[in-house]
Amino acid sequence: MKIFVDRVKCQNHGQCAISAPTNFELDSDGELQYQESFDEENIDDIEDAIDSCPLQAITLKS
């Protein structure tokens, strides 16, 4: 599975970066950066990030 962020929906609120800082971060310009791949041990944090996104811009794709 890989993380997918819909850049059209995403408004860089950063809630995902709070929930899963290993995989999501806001760069110095406030733009979201993320890693598509993740370790299974981080799945709970990734799911929290998905749930915390106010615009539901994050999904998992196989």
N, C-alpha and C. Protein backbone atom coordinates (compact mmCIF):
# COMPACT_ATOMS: atom_id res chain seq x y z
N MET A 1 0.84 -1.18 0.00
CA MET A 1 0.00 0.00 0.00
C MET A 1 0.88 1.24 0.00
N LYS A 2 0.33 2.29 -0.60
CA LYS A 2 1.04 3.57 -0.66
C LYS A 2 0.08 4.70 -0.27
N ILE A 3 0.65 5.75 0.24
CA ILE A 3 -0.11 6.95 0.60
C ILE A 3 -0.32 7.78 -0.66
N PHE A 4 -1.52 8.28 -0.83
CA PHE A 4 -1.82 9.20 -1.93
C PHE A 4 -2.49 10.44 -1.36
N VAL A 5 -1.99 11.60 -1.71
CA VAL A 5 -2.60 12.87 -1.30
C VAL A 5 -3.13 13.56 -2.55
N ASP A 6 -4.41 13.86 -2.54
CA ASP A 6 -5.04 14.58 -3.65
C ASP A 6 -4.64 16.06 -3.50
N ARG A 7 -3.71 16.50 -4.33
CA ARG A 7 -3.19 17.87 -4.24
C ARG A 7 -4.23 18.93 -4.59
N VAL A 8 -5.28 18.54 -5.28
CA VAL A 8 -6.36 19.49 -5.58
C VAL A 8 -7.15 19.78 -4.31
N LYS A 9 -7.40 18.76 -3.51
CA LYS A 9 -8.15 18.91 -2.26
C LYS A 9 -7.31 19.48 -1.13
N CYS A 10 -6.04 19.05 -1.05
CA CYS A 10 -5.17 19.41 0.06
C CYS A 10 -4.96 20.92 0.13
N GLN A 11 -5.14 21.47 1.34
CA GLN A 11 -4.91 22.90 1.54
C GLN A 11 -3.81 23.14 2.58
N ASN A 12 -2.98 22.11 2.80
CA ASN A 12 -1.80 22.23 3.66
C ASN A 12 -2.13 22.64 5.10
N HIS A 13 -3.21 22.09 5.66
CA HIS A 13 -3.55 22.38 7.05
C HIS A 13 -2.53 21.78 8.01
N GLY A 14 -1.93 20.65 7.64
CA GLY A 14 -0.87 20.06 8.45
C GLY A 14 -1.32 19.12 9.54
N GLN A 15 -2.59 18.81 9.61
CA GLN A 15 -3.06 17.88 10.64
C GLN A 15 -2.39 16.51 10.48
N CYS A 16 -2.13 16.12 9.25
CA CYS A 16 -1.47 14.84 8.99
C CYS A 16 -0.05 14.84 9.55
N ALA A 17 0.62 15.97 9.46
CA ALA A 17 1.99 16.08 9.97
C ALA A 17 2.03 15.95 11.48
N ILE A 18 0.96 16.36 12.14
CA ILE A 18 0.87 16.21 13.59
C ILE A 18 0.60 14.74 13.93
N SER A 19 -0.29 14.10 13.17
CA SER A 19 -0.66 12.71 13.43
C SER A 19 0.42 11.72 13.05
N ALA A 20 1.12 11.97 11.95
CA ALA A 20 2.12 11.03 11.44
C ALA A 20 3.36 11.77 10.94
N PRO A 21 4.13 12.34 11.87
CA PRO A 21 5.28 13.15 11.46
C PRO A 21 6.38 12.37 10.74
N THR A 22 6.38 11.06 10.85
CA THR A 22 7.36 10.25 10.14
C THR A 22 7.12 10.28 8.64
N ASN A 23 5.85 10.45 8.25
CA ASN A 23 5.48 10.37 6.84
C ASN A 23 5.04 11.68 6.21
N PHE A 24 4.63 12.63 7.04
CA PHE A 24 4.12 13.91 6.52
C PHE A 24 4.84 15.06 7.20
N GLU A 25 5.09 16.13 6.44
CA GLU A 25 5.64 17.35 7.02
C GLU A 25 5.31 18.53 6.12
N LEU A 26 5.29 19.69 6.73
CA LEU A 26 5.14 20.92 5.96
C LEU A 26 6.53 21.49 5.76
N ASP A 27 6.87 21.82 4.52
CA ASP A 27 8.20 22.37 4.25
C ASP A 27 8.26 23.84 4.68
N SER A 28 9.37 24.49 4.42
CA SER A 28 9.57 25.88 4.86
C SER A 28 8.60 26.85 4.19
N ASP A 29 7.99 26.43 3.07
CA ASP A 29 6.99 27.26 2.40
C ASP A 29 5.57 26.91 2.82
N GLY A 30 5.44 25.96 3.77
CA GLY A 30 4.12 25.55 4.22
C GLY A 30 3.42 24.56 3.31
N GLU A 31 4.17 23.97 2.39
CA GLU A 31 3.61 22.98 1.46
C GLU A 31 3.82 21.57 2.02
N LEU A 32 2.80 20.75 1.88
CA LEU A 32 2.89 19.39 2.37
C LEU A 32 3.87 18.56 1.56
N GLN A 33 4.73 17.85 2.27
CA GLN A 33 5.63 16.87 1.68
C GLN A 33 5.32 15.54 2.38
N TYR A 34 5.35 14.46 1.63
CA TYR A 34 5.06 13.17 2.24
C TYR A 34 5.77 12.05 1.51
N GLN A 35 5.89 10.93 2.19
CA GLN A 35 6.48 9.72 1.62
C GLN A 35 5.34 8.80 1.23
N GLU A 36 5.31 8.36 -0.02
CA GLU A 36 4.26 7.44 -0.46
C GLU A 36 4.37 6.09 0.25
N SER A 37 5.57 5.60 0.41
CA SER A 37 5.80 4.31 1.05
C SER A 37 5.91 4.49 2.55
N PHE A 38 5.52 3.46 3.29
CA PHE A 38 5.62 3.52 4.74
C PHE A 38 5.80 2.13 5.31
N ASP A 39 6.34 2.06 6.51
CA ASP A 39 6.50 0.80 7.23
C ASP A 39 5.17 0.43 7.86
N GLU A 40 4.86 -0.84 7.86
CA GLU A 40 3.60 -1.30 8.45
C GLU A 40 3.48 -0.91 9.92
N GLU A 41 4.59 -0.74 10.59
CA GLU A 41 4.54 -0.35 12.01
C GLU A 41 3.95 1.05 12.19
N ASN A 42 3.90 1.84 11.11
CA ASN A 42 3.35 3.19 11.18
C ASN A 42 1.90 3.27 10.73
N ILE A 43 1.26 2.15 10.46
CA ILE A 43 -0.09 2.16 9.90
C ILE A 43 -1.09 2.88 10.82
N ASP A 44 -0.97 2.74 12.12
CA ASP A 44 -1.90 3.42 13.02
C ASP A 44 -1.78 4.94 12.89
N ASP A 45 -0.55 5.43 12.80
CA ASP A 45 -0.34 6.87 12.63
C ASP A 45 -0.87 7.34 11.27
N ILE A 46 -0.66 6.53 10.24
CA ILE A 46 -1.14 6.88 8.90
C ILE A 46 -2.67 6.95 8.90
N GLU A 47 -3.32 5.98 9.54
CA GLU A 47 -4.78 5.99 9.61
C GLU A 47 -5.28 7.20 10.39
N ASP A 48 -4.56 7.58 11.45
CA ASP A 48 -4.91 8.79 12.20
C ASP A 48 -4.78 10.02 11.30
N ALA A 49 -3.74 10.07 10.49
CA ALA A 49 -3.54 11.19 9.57
C ALA A 49 -4.68 11.26 8.56
N ILE A 50 -5.09 10.13 8.04
CA ILE A 50 -6.21 10.08 7.09
C ILE A 50 -7.47 10.61 7.75
N ASP A 51 -7.73 10.15 8.97
CA ASP A 51 -8.94 10.58 9.70
C ASP A 51 -8.89 12.05 10.09
N SER A 52 -7.70 12.58 10.34
CA SER A 52 -7.59 13.96 10.82
C SER A 52 -7.64 15.00 9.70
N CYS A 53 -7.49 14.56 8.45
CA CYS A 53 -7.49 15.51 7.34
C CYS A 53 -8.88 16.15 7.19
N PRO A 54 -8.97 17.47 7.37
CA PRO A 54 -10.30 18.10 7.30
C PRO A 54 -10.93 18.05 5.92
N LEU A 55 -10.13 17.82 4.90
CA LEU A 55 -10.66 17.78 3.53
C LEU A 55 -10.67 16.38 2.95
N GLN A 56 -10.29 15.40 3.78
CA GLN A 56 -10.25 14.00 3.35
C GLN A 56 -9.45 13.84 2.05
N ALA A 57 -8.28 14.45 2.01
CA ALA A 57 -7.43 14.45 0.82
C ALA A 57 -6.45 13.29 0.79
N ILE A 58 -6.39 12.50 1.88
CA ILE A 58 -5.41 11.42 1.98
C ILE A 58 -6.12 10.07 1.87
N THR A 59 -5.56 9.20 1.04
CA THR A 59 -6.08 7.83 0.92
C THR A 59 -4.91 6.87 0.83
N LEU A 60 -5.21 5.60 1.00
CA LEU A 60 -4.24 4.54 0.78
C LEU A 60 -4.61 3.83 -0.50
N LYS A 61 -3.61 3.58 -1.32
CA LYS A 61 -3.82 2.89 -2.61
C LYS A 61 -2.91 1.68 -2.65
N SER A 62 -3.44 0.61 -3.21
CA SER A 62 -2.60 -0.60 -3.32
C SER A 62 -1.89 -0.65 -4.66
